C-alpha atoms as a PDB file:
ATOM      1  CA  MET A   1       0.000   0.000   0.000  1.00  0.00           C
ATOM      2  CA  PRO A   2       1.454   3.389  -0.957  1.00  0.00           C
ATOM      3  CA  VAL A   3       2.596   5.600   1.917  1.00  0.00           C
ATOM      4  CA  GLN A   4       0.353   8.468   0.780  1.00  0.00           C
ATOM      5  CA  GLU A   5      -2.760   6.272   0.841  1.00  0.00           C
ATOM      6  CA  ASN A   6      -1.818   4.933   4.268  1.00  0.00           C
ATOM      7  CA  ASP A   7      -1.484   8.464   5.629  1.00  0.00           C
ATOM      8  CA  THR A   8      -4.868   9.386   4.139  1.00  0.00           C
ATOM      9  CA  LEU A   9      -6.592   6.425   5.857  1.00  0.00           C
ATOM     10  CA  LYS A  10      -4.882   7.217   9.130  1.00  0.00           C
ATOM     11  CA  SER A  11      -5.984  10.837   8.941  1.00  0.00           C
ATOM     12  CA  ARG A  12      -9.558   9.762   8.163  1.00  0.00           C
ATOM     13  CA  TYR A  13      -9.625   7.365  11.146  1.00  0.00           C
ATOM     14  CA  GLN A  14      -8.286  10.058  13.423  1.00  0.00           C
ATOM     15  CA  GLN A  15     -10.994  12.450  12.276  1.00  0.00           C
ATOM     16  CA  ASN A  16     -13.710   9.813  12.803  1.00  0.00           C
ATOM     17  CA  VAL A  17     -12.421   9.002  16.272  1.00  0.00           C
ATOM     18  CA  SER A  18     -12.313  12.696  17.208  1.00  0.00           C
ATOM     19  CA  THR A  19     -15.868  13.191  15.953  1.00  0.00           C
ATOM     20  CA  ASP A  20     -17.141  10.146  17.861  1.00  0.00           C
ATOM     21  CA  LEU A  21     -15.366  11.334  21.010  1.00  0.00           C
ATOM     22  CA  GLU A  22     -16.972  14.773  20.791  1.00  0.00           C
ATOM     23  CA  GLN A  23     -20.408  13.245  20.266  1.00  0.00           C
ATOM     24  CA  ASN A  24     -19.879  10.883  23.206  1.00  0.00           C
ATOM     25  CA  THR A  25     -18.858  13.749  25.492  1.00  0.00           C
ATOM     26  CA  ALA A  26     -21.797  15.907  24.378  1.00  0.00           C
ATOM     27  CA  GLU A  27     -24.227  13.032  24.977  1.00  0.00           C
ATOM     28  CA  GLN A  28     -22.844  12.490  28.473  1.00  0.00           C
ATOM     29  CA  GLU A  29     -23.342  16.163  29.294  1.00  0.00           C
ATOM     30  CA  ARG A  30     -26.904  16.086  27.945  1.00  0.00           C
ATOM     31  CA  ILE A  31     -27.790  13.022  30.022  1.00  0.00           C
ATOM     32  CA  ARG A  32     -26.246  14.541  33.149  1.00  0.00           C
ATOM     33  CA  ARG A  33     -28.357  17.665  32.707  1.00  0.00           C
ATOM     34  CA  GLU A  34     -31.475  15.542  32.304  1.00  0.00           C
ATOM     35  CA  ILE A  35     -30.632  13.558  35.449  1.00  0.00           C
ATOM     36  CA  VAL A  36     -30.129  16.725  37.489  1.00  0.00           C
ATOM     37  CA  SER A  37     -33.407  18.160  36.174  1.00  0.00           C
ATOM     38  CA  LEU A  38     -35.309  14.963  36.966  1.00  0.00           C
ATOM     39  CA  GLN A  39     -33.840  14.778  40.457  1.00  0.00           C
ATOM     40  CA  GLU A  40     -34.861  18.383  41.140  1.00  0.00           C
ATOM     41  CA  LYS A  41     -38.392  17.687  39.898  1.00  0.00           C
ATOM     42  CA  LEU A  42     -38.578  14.535  42.039  1.00  0.00           C
ATOM     43  CA  SER A  43     -37.424  16.420  45.122  1.00  0.00           C
ATOM     44  CA  GLY A  44     -40.094  19.060  44.516  1.00  0.00           C
ATOM     45  CA  LEU A  45     -42.798  16.412  44.089  1.00  0.00           C
ATOM     46  CA  GLU A  46     -41.718  14.648  47.281  1.00  0.00           C
ATOM     47  CA  HIS A  47     -41.853  17.955  49.149  1.00  0.00           C
ATOM     48  CA  ASP A  48     -45.328  18.682  47.746  1.00  0.00           C
ATOM     49  CA  HIS A  49     -46.453  15.153  48.684  1.00  0.00           C
ATOM     50  CA  GLU A  50     -45.503  15.664  52.332  1.00  0.00           C
ATOM     51  CA  LEU A  51     -47.294  19.001  52.478  1.00  0.00           C
ATOM     52  CA  LEU A  52     -50.441  17.605  50.858  1.00  0.00           C
ATOM     53  CA  VAL A  53     -50.478  14.702  53.325  1.00  0.00           C
ATOM     54  CA  GLY A  54     -50.199  17.259  56.114  1.00  0.00           C
ATOM     55  CA  MET A  55     -53.108  19.217  54.656  1.00  0.00           C
ATOM     56  CA  LYS A  56     -55.287  16.092  54.634  1.00  0.00           C
ATOM     57  CA  ALA A  57     -54.376  15.434  58.254  1.00  0.00           C
ATOM     58  CA  ALA A  58     -55.154  19.044  59.198  1.00  0.00           C
ATOM     59  CA  LEU A  59     -58.554  18.753  57.511  1.00  0.00           C
ATOM     60  CA  GLY A  60     -59.374  15.744  59.661  1.00  0.00           C
ATOM     61  CA  GLU A  61     -58.940  13.024  57.051  1.00  0.00           C
ATOM     62  CA  ALA A  62     -57.226   9.997  58.558  1.00  0.00           C
ATOM     63  CA  THR A  63     -56.925   8.102  55.278  1.00  0.00           C
ATOM     64  CA  THR A  64     -53.552   6.434  54.938  1.00  0.00           C
ATOM     65  CA  VAL A  65     -51.696   7.765  51.896  1.00  0.00           C
ATOM     66  CA  PRO A  66     -49.088   5.331  50.536  1.00  0.00           C
ATOM     67  CA  ARG A  67     -45.683   6.793  49.854  1.00  0.00           C
ATOM     68  CA  PRO A  68     -44.552   6.570  46.227  1.00  0.00           C
ATOM     69  CA  ARG A  69     -41.943   3.995  45.318  1.00  0.00           C
ATOM     70  CA  ARG A  70     -38.430   5.379  45.066  1.00  0.00           C
ATOM     71  CA  ALA A  71     -37.129   2.810  42.580  1.00  0.00           C
ATOM     72  CA  GLY A  72     -37.195   5.381  39.806  1.00  0.00           C
ATOM     73  CA  LYS A  73     -34.859   7.724  41.636  1.00  0.00           C
ATOM     74  CA  ASN A  74     -32.504   4.887  42.542  1.00  0.00           C
ATOM     75  CA  ALA A  75     -32.438   3.776  38.922  1.00  0.00           C
ATOM     76  CA  ILE A  76     -31.618   7.301  37.779  1.00  0.00           C
ATOM     77  CA  THR A  77     -28.863   7.565  40.381  1.00  0.00           C
ATOM     78  CA  LYS A  78     -27.430   4.215  39.298  1.00  0.00           C
ATOM     79  CA  LYS A  79     -27.429   5.260  35.646  1.00  0.00           C
ATOM     80  CA  ALA A  80     -25.721   8.507  36.565  1.00  0.00           C
ATOM     81  CA  ALA A  81     -23.054   6.590  38.466  1.00  0.00           C
ATOM     82  CA  ASP A  82     -22.528   4.263  35.506  1.00  0.00           C
ATOM     83  CA  ARG A  83     -22.042   7.202  33.146  1.00  0.00           C
ATOM     84  CA  THR A  84     -19.960   9.399  35.455  1.00  0.00           C
ATOM     85  CA  PRO A  85     -16.262   9.530  34.467  1.00  0.00           C
ATOM     86  CA  VAL A  86     -13.601   8.421  36.941  1.00  0.00           C
ATOM     87  CA  VAL A  87     -13.030  11.163  39.511  1.00  0.00           C
ATOM     88  CA  LYS A  88      -9.492  12.413  39.952  1.00  0.00           C
ATOM     89  CA  ALA A  89      -7.644  11.071  42.991  1.00  0.00           C
ATOM     90  CA  SER A  90      -7.351  14.510  44.583  1.00  0.00           C
ATOM     91  CA  SER A  91     -11.102  15.105  44.355  1.00  0.00           C
ATOM     92  CA  ALA A  92     -11.813  11.655  45.767  1.00  0.00           C
ATOM     93  CA  LYS A  93      -9.526  12.336  48.733  1.00  0.00           C
ATOM     94  CA  LYS A  94     -11.222  15.658  49.422  1.00  0.00           C
ATOM     95  CA  THR A  95     -14.639  13.989  49.327  1.00  0.00           C
ATOM     96  CA  ALA A  96     -13.446  11.253  51.689  1.00  0.00           C
ATOM     97  CA  ARG A  97     -12.128  13.836  54.145  1.00  0.00           C
ATOM     98  CA  ARG A  98     -15.428  15.732  54.087  1.00  0.00           C
ATOM     99  CA  LYS A  99     -17.384  12.542  54.719  1.00  0.00           C
ATOM    100  CA  ALA A 100     -15.054  11.554  57.540  1.00  0.00           C
ATOM    101  CA  ALA A 101     -15.434  14.975  59.153  1.00  0.00           C
ATOM    102  CA  ALA A 102     -19.212  14.759  58.833  1.00  0.00           C
ATOM    103  CA  GLY A 103     -19.192  11.300  60.392  1.00  0.00           C
ATOM    104  CA  THR A 104     -17.488  12.567  63.545  1.00  0.00           C
ATOM    105  CA  LYS A 105     -20.418  14.810  64.444  1.00  0.00           C
ATOM    106  CA  THR A 106     -22.432  13.762  67.458  1.00  0.00           C
ATOM    107  CA  PRO A 107     -26.248  13.975  67.577  1.00  0.00           C
ATOM    108  CA  ASP A 108     -25.897  17.102  69.719  1.00  0.00           C
ATOM    109  CA  THR A 109     -23.799  18.909  67.107  1.00  0.00           C
ATOM    110  CA  VAL A 110     -25.848  18.013  64.030  1.00  0.00           C
ATOM    111  CA  GLU A 111     -27.917  21.016  62.970  1.00  0.00           C
ATOM    112  CA  LYS A 112     -31.565  20.266  62.342  1.00  0.00           C
ATOM    113  CA  THR A 113     -33.331  22.317  59.705  1.00  0.00           C
ATOM    114  CA  PRO A 114     -36.479  23.801  61.252  1.00  0.00           C
ATOM    115  CA  SER A 115     -39.764  22.862  59.640  1.00  0.00           C
ATOM    116  CA  LEU A 116     -41.982  25.413  57.929  1.00  0.00           C
ATOM    117  CA  GLY A 117     -44.437  25.102  60.814  1.00  0.00           C
ATOM    118  CA  ASP A 118     -41.720  25.952  63.358  1.00  0.00           C
ATOM    119  CA  LEU A 119     -40.662  28.993  61.329  1.00  0.00           C
ATOM    120  CA  ILE A 120     -44.264  30.179  61.032  1.00  0.00           C
ATOM    121  CA  HIS A 121     -44.878  29.738  64.767  1.00  0.00           C
ATOM    122  CA  GLN A 122     -41.710  31.708  65.580  1.00  0.00           C
ATOM    123  CA  HIS A 123     -42.764  34.484  63.195  1.00  0.00           C
ATOM    124  CA  LEU A 124     -46.319  34.665  64.549  1.00  0.00           C
ATOM    125  CA  SER A 125     -45.010  34.731  68.126  1.00  0.00           C
ATOM    126  CA  LYS A 126     -43.102  37.929  67.337  1.00  0.00           C
ATOM    127  CA  GLN A 127     -46.136  39.711  65.883  1.00  0.00           C
ATOM    128  CA  SER A 128     -48.411  42.040  67.813  1.00  0.00           C
ATOM    129  CA  GLY A 129     -51.453  41.218  65.685  1.00  0.00           C
ATOM    130  CA  PRO A 130     -52.954  38.474  63.489  1.00  0.00           C
ATOM    131  CA  LEU A 131     -51.670  37.790  59.964  1.00  0.00           C
ATOM    132  CA  THR A 132     -53.177  36.232  56.857  1.00  0.00           C
ATOM    133  CA  ALA A 133     -51.624  33.246  55.095  1.00  0.00           C
ATOM    134  CA  GLY A 134     -50.491  35.550  52.298  1.00  0.00           C
ATOM    135  CA  GLU A 135     -48.765  37.903  54.725  1.00  0.00           C
ATOM    136  CA  ILE A 136     -47.062  34.979  56.436  1.00  0.00           C
ATOM    137  CA  ALA A 137     -45.958  33.544  53.079  1.00  0.00           C
ATOM    138  CA  SER A 138     -44.475  36.892  52.019  1.00  0.00           C
ATOM    139  CA  ALA A 139     -42.557  37.179  55.278  1.00  0.00           C
ATOM    140  CA  MET A 140     -41.298  33.584  55.078  1.00  0.00           C
ATOM    141  CA  SER A 141     -40.172  34.034  51.465  1.00  0.00           C
ATOM    142  CA  ALA A 142     -38.255  37.181  52.407  1.00  0.00           C
ATOM    143  CA  GLU A 143     -36.613  35.582  55.450  1.00  0.00           C
ATOM    144  CA  HIS A 144     -35.893  32.242  53.774  1.00  0.00           C
ATOM    145  CA  PRO A 145     -35.446  32.825  50.021  1.00  0.00           C
ATOM    146  CA  GLN A 146     -33.790  29.417  49.589  1.00  0.00           C
ATOM    147  CA  ARG A 147     -37.052  27.660  50.455  1.00  0.00           C
ATOM    148  CA  ASN A 148     -39.961  26.932  48.121  1.00  0.00           C
ATOM    149  CA  ILE A 149     -42.747  28.729  50.006  1.00  0.00           C
ATOM    150  CA  SER A 150     -46.239  29.482  48.704  1.00  0.00           C
ATOM    151  CA  ASP A 151     -49.582  30.522  50.201  1.00  0.00           C
ATOM    152  CA  THR A 152     -50.824  26.920  49.925  1.00  0.00           C
ATOM    153  CA  TYR A 153     -47.856  25.507  51.837  1.00  0.00           C
ATOM    154  CA  VAL A 154     -48.116  28.202  54.485  1.00  0.00           C
ATOM    155  CA  ARG A 155     -51.862  27.650  54.922  1.00  0.00           C
ATOM    156  CA  ALA A 156     -51.340  23.888  55.320  1.00  0.00           C
ATOM    157  CA  ALA A 157     -48.528  24.334  57.842  1.00  0.00           C
ATOM    158  CA  THR A 158     -50.503  26.956  59.787  1.00  0.00           C
ATOM    159  CA  GLU A 159     -53.579  24.733  59.886  1.00  0.00           C
ATOM    160  CA  ARG A 160     -51.391  22.014  61.416  1.00  0.00           C
ATOM    161  CA  LEU A 161     -50.364  24.515  64.085  1.00  0.00           C
ATOM    162  CA  VAL A 162     -54.045  25.216  64.728  1.00  0.00           C
ATOM    163  CA  ALA A 163     -54.733  21.473  65.006  1.00  0.00           C
ATOM    164  CA  ARG A 164     -51.910  21.197  67.574  1.00  0.00           C
ATOM    165  CA  SER A 165     -53.232  24.228  69.499  1.00  0.00           C
ATOM    166  CA  GLN A 166     -50.082  26.189  68.687  1.00  0.00           C
ATOM    167  CA  ALA A 167     -51.991  28.797  66.687  1.00  0.00           C
ATOM    168  CA  GLU A 168     -55.491  30.228  66.548  1.00  0.00           C
ATOM    169  CA  ARG A 169     -57.626  30.950  63.510  1.00  0.00           C
ATOM    170  CA  SER A 170     -59.979  33.923  63.355  1.00  0.00           C
ATOM    171  CA  LYS A 171     -62.052  35.535  60.645  1.00  0.00           C
ATOM    172  CA  GLN A 172     -62.365  39.245  59.974  1.00  0.00           C
ATOM    173  CA  GLY A 173     -64.933  39.779  57.288  1.00  0.00           C
ATOM    174  CA  SER A 174     -64.076  37.318  54.539  1.00  0.00           C
ATOM    175  CA  THR A 175     -60.382  37.080  55.479  1.00  0.00           C
ATOM    176  CA  VAL A 176     -58.852  34.393  57.701  1.00  0.00           C
ATOM    177  CA  HIS A 177     -56.160  35.478  60.146  1.00  0.00           C
ATOM    178  CA  TYR A 178     -53.771  33.495  62.332  1.00  0.00           C
ATOM    179  CA  THR A 179     -52.140  34.266  65.665  1.00  0.00           C
ATOM    180  CA  ALA A 180     -49.639  32.225  67.679  1.00  0.00           C
ATOM    181  CA  VAL A 181     -50.640  30.575  70.943  1.00  0.00           C
ATOM    182  CA  LYS A 182     -48.078  31.250  73.631  1.00  0.00           C
ATOM    183  CA  ALA A 183     -46.527  28.227  75.318  1.00  0.00           C
ATOM    184  CA  ASN A 184     -48.054  29.062  78.695  1.00  0.00           C
ATOM    185  CA  ASN A 185     -51.477  29.421  77.090  1.00  0.00           C
ATOM    186  CA  SER A 186     -51.431  26.169  75.118  1.00  0.00           C
ATOM    187  CA  GLU A 187     -53.539  24.467  77.822  1.00  0.00           C
ATOM    188  CA  SER A 188     -56.199  27.164  77.723  1.00  0.00           C
ATOM    189  CA  THR A 189     -59.629  26.152  78.906  1.00  0.00           C
ATOM    190  CA  THR A 190     -61.343  27.863  75.996  1.00  0.00           C
ATOM    191  CA  THR A 191     -63.841  25.481  74.435  1.00  0.00           C
ATOM    192  CA  PRO A 192     -64.218  24.984  70.677  1.00  0.00           C
ATOM    193  CA  ALA A 193     -67.615  26.628  70.855  1.00  0.00           C
ATOM    194  CA  ASP A 194     -65.935  29.901  71.879  1.00  0.00           C
ATOM    195  CA  LYS A 195     -64.004  30.023  68.599  1.00  0.00           C
ATOM    196  CA  GLU A 196     -65.414  30.574  65.152  1.00  0.00           C
ATOM    197  CA  THR A 197     -64.892  27.598  62.857  1.00  0.00           C
ATOM    198  CA  VAL A 198     -63.604  28.562  59.429  1.00  0.00           C
ATOM    199  CA  PRO A 199     -63.247  26.093  56.514  1.00  0.00           C
ATOM    200  CA  ALA A 200     -59.575  25.290  55.879  1.00  0.00           C
ATOM    201  CA  GLY A 201     -59.802  26.369  52.272  1.00  0.00           C
ATOM    202  CA  ALA A 202     -61.079  29.868  53.145  1.00  0.00           C
END
């Protein structure tokens, strides 16, 4: 085979390999973006599921709601692991050190993220007057911008506080307001008949 023809074939193979490599890398990036997007959507749905279950409980429905299967998320995670390139040794060592440091924390030192209900109760306790769900949601969004907070979530969490006698619901005209129940007043002798009952969806 002539040398010139051999060089031409070699150059063609090199070009094909480079093209295939670029396509492979681009496909990996596309799949990673899809996995991240799906995981974010799944996390949001799981968060919504917990809030909706809480709303049913606050409305007095004791129906057991089965939790969705998590096989889909595990499968996505496994696929991501199969497609993830080998991590450099330095990055792996840094990750191992972070995990080791996290593992040395005792239960007393682990920070617990407060629930939305706890944050709402703390906020209401600082107020001098009642607030609507919309006002509470606006305040929570401003104080905790990293959280996904809406009027629906706030209303559900506040209704749970009412069910636990940690907050009181009142109605002024057509608007529902909420106030916090102080700790020393949680055992108040006020009967349900003394309070106006307002539908949860009001």
